[in-house]
Amino acid sequence: MLFPAPSDLFKSAKNDLIAELKLSHNVGGVSKLKSEQARIQEEEDNRKFRRFLETFTPENYLHKVGRTTRGPESSTDY
């Protein structure tokens, strides 16, 4: 297994840092960049969670349970 040379890792980290600093300059500072990135990530997480919750409606649950538990031995009389 080949590992990148330490100089390549340094160049990569340096380029990442430079790119982040350039972005932060456009946004108005490193702290604003970080908070903006956190806000965007939180919005994306909220969208994913809403889509996830949409799949778990009572109708979907009853439909799925009804499909999996009905068989010759199951009874609907409670």
Protein backbone atom coordinates (compact mmCIF):
# COMPACT_ATOMS: atom_id res chain seq x y z
CA MET A 1 0.00 0.00 0.00
CA LEU A 2 1.43 3.34 -1.01
CA PHE A 3 1.11 6.36 1.21
CA PRO A 4 1.41 9.92 -0.06
CA ALA A 5 4.69 11.63 0.64
CA PRO A 6 4.70 14.04 3.61
CA SER A 7 5.36 16.92 1.23
CA ASP A 8 2.19 16.00 -0.73
CA LEU A 9 0.16 15.98 2.49
CA PHE A 10 1.58 19.37 3.43
CA LYS A 11 0.75 20.80 0.00
CA SER A 12 -2.77 19.45 0.19
CA ALA A 13 -3.34 20.90 3.68
CA LYS A 14 -1.83 24.20 2.60
CA ASN A 15 -4.04 24.38 -0.49
CA ASP A 16 -7.12 23.55 1.61
CA LEU A 17 -6.22 26.30 4.07
CA ILE A 18 -5.66 28.82 1.30
CA ALA A 19 -9.00 27.93 -0.31
CA GLU A 20 -10.78 28.29 3.03
CA LEU A 21 -9.15 31.65 3.68
CA LYS A 22 -10.19 32.88 0.23
CA LEU A 23 -13.76 31.80 0.93
CA SER A 24 -13.71 33.46 4.33
CA HIS A 25 -12.53 36.70 2.76
CA ASN A 26 -15.58 36.70 0.47
CA VAL A 27 -17.95 35.94 3.35
CA GLY A 28 -16.45 38.41 5.81
CA GLY A 29 -14.21 36.36 8.07
CA VAL A 30 -13.43 32.84 9.17
CA SER A 31 -16.00 32.83 11.97
CA LYS A 32 -18.74 33.99 9.59
CA LEU A 33 -17.69 31.33 7.10
CA LYS A 34 -17.86 28.63 9.78
CA SER A 35 -21.25 29.83 11.02
CA GLU A 36 -22.56 30.02 7.44
CA GLN A 37 -21.36 26.48 6.74
CA ALA A 38 -22.96 25.27 9.99
CA ARG A 39 -26.24 26.98 9.09
CA ILE A 40 -26.27 25.41 5.63
CA GLN A 41 -25.50 21.99 7.09
CA GLU A 42 -28.29 22.37 9.66
CA GLU A 43 -30.77 23.33 6.94
CA GLU A 44 -29.76 20.28 4.91
CA ASP A 45 -30.11 18.04 7.96
CA ASN A 46 -33.58 19.49 8.64
CA ARG A 47 -34.64 18.83 5.02
CA LYS A 48 -33.42 15.23 5.24
CA PHE A 49 -35.21 14.73 8.56
CA ARG A 50 -38.48 16.13 7.17
CA ARG A 51 -38.26 13.77 4.17
CA PHE A 52 -37.54 10.91 6.58
CA LEU A 53 -40.58 11.78 8.72
CA GLU A 54 -42.81 12.00 5.66
CA THR A 55 -42.29 8.28 5.08
CA PHE A 56 -43.55 7.44 8.58
CA THR A 57 -47.19 8.39 8.48
CA PRO A 58 -49.80 6.36 10.39
CA GLU A 59 -51.27 5.21 7.07
CA ASN A 60 -47.90 3.95 5.83
CA TYR A 61 -47.29 2.16 9.13
CA LEU A 62 -50.67 0.43 9.12
CA HIS A 63 -50.26 -0.49 5.48
CA LYS A 64 -46.84 -2.00 6.11
CA VAL A 65 -47.86 -3.81 9.31
CA GLY A 66 -50.96 -5.09 7.60
CA ARG A 67 -48.85 -6.57 4.80
CA THR A 68 -46.35 -8.29 7.08
CA THR A 69 -48.61 -9.69 9.81
CA ARG A 70 -51.49 -11.07 7.80
CA GLY A 71 -51.21 -14.75 7.38
CA PRO A 72 -53.19 -17.89 8.07
CA GLU A 73 -52.36 -17.79 11.78
CA SER A 74 -53.01 -14.08 12.35
CA SER A 75 -56.38 -12.78 13.36
CA THR A 76 -57.88 -9.33 13.13
CA ASP A 77 -60.18 -9.97 16.13
CA TYR A 78 -58.76 -8.22 19.16
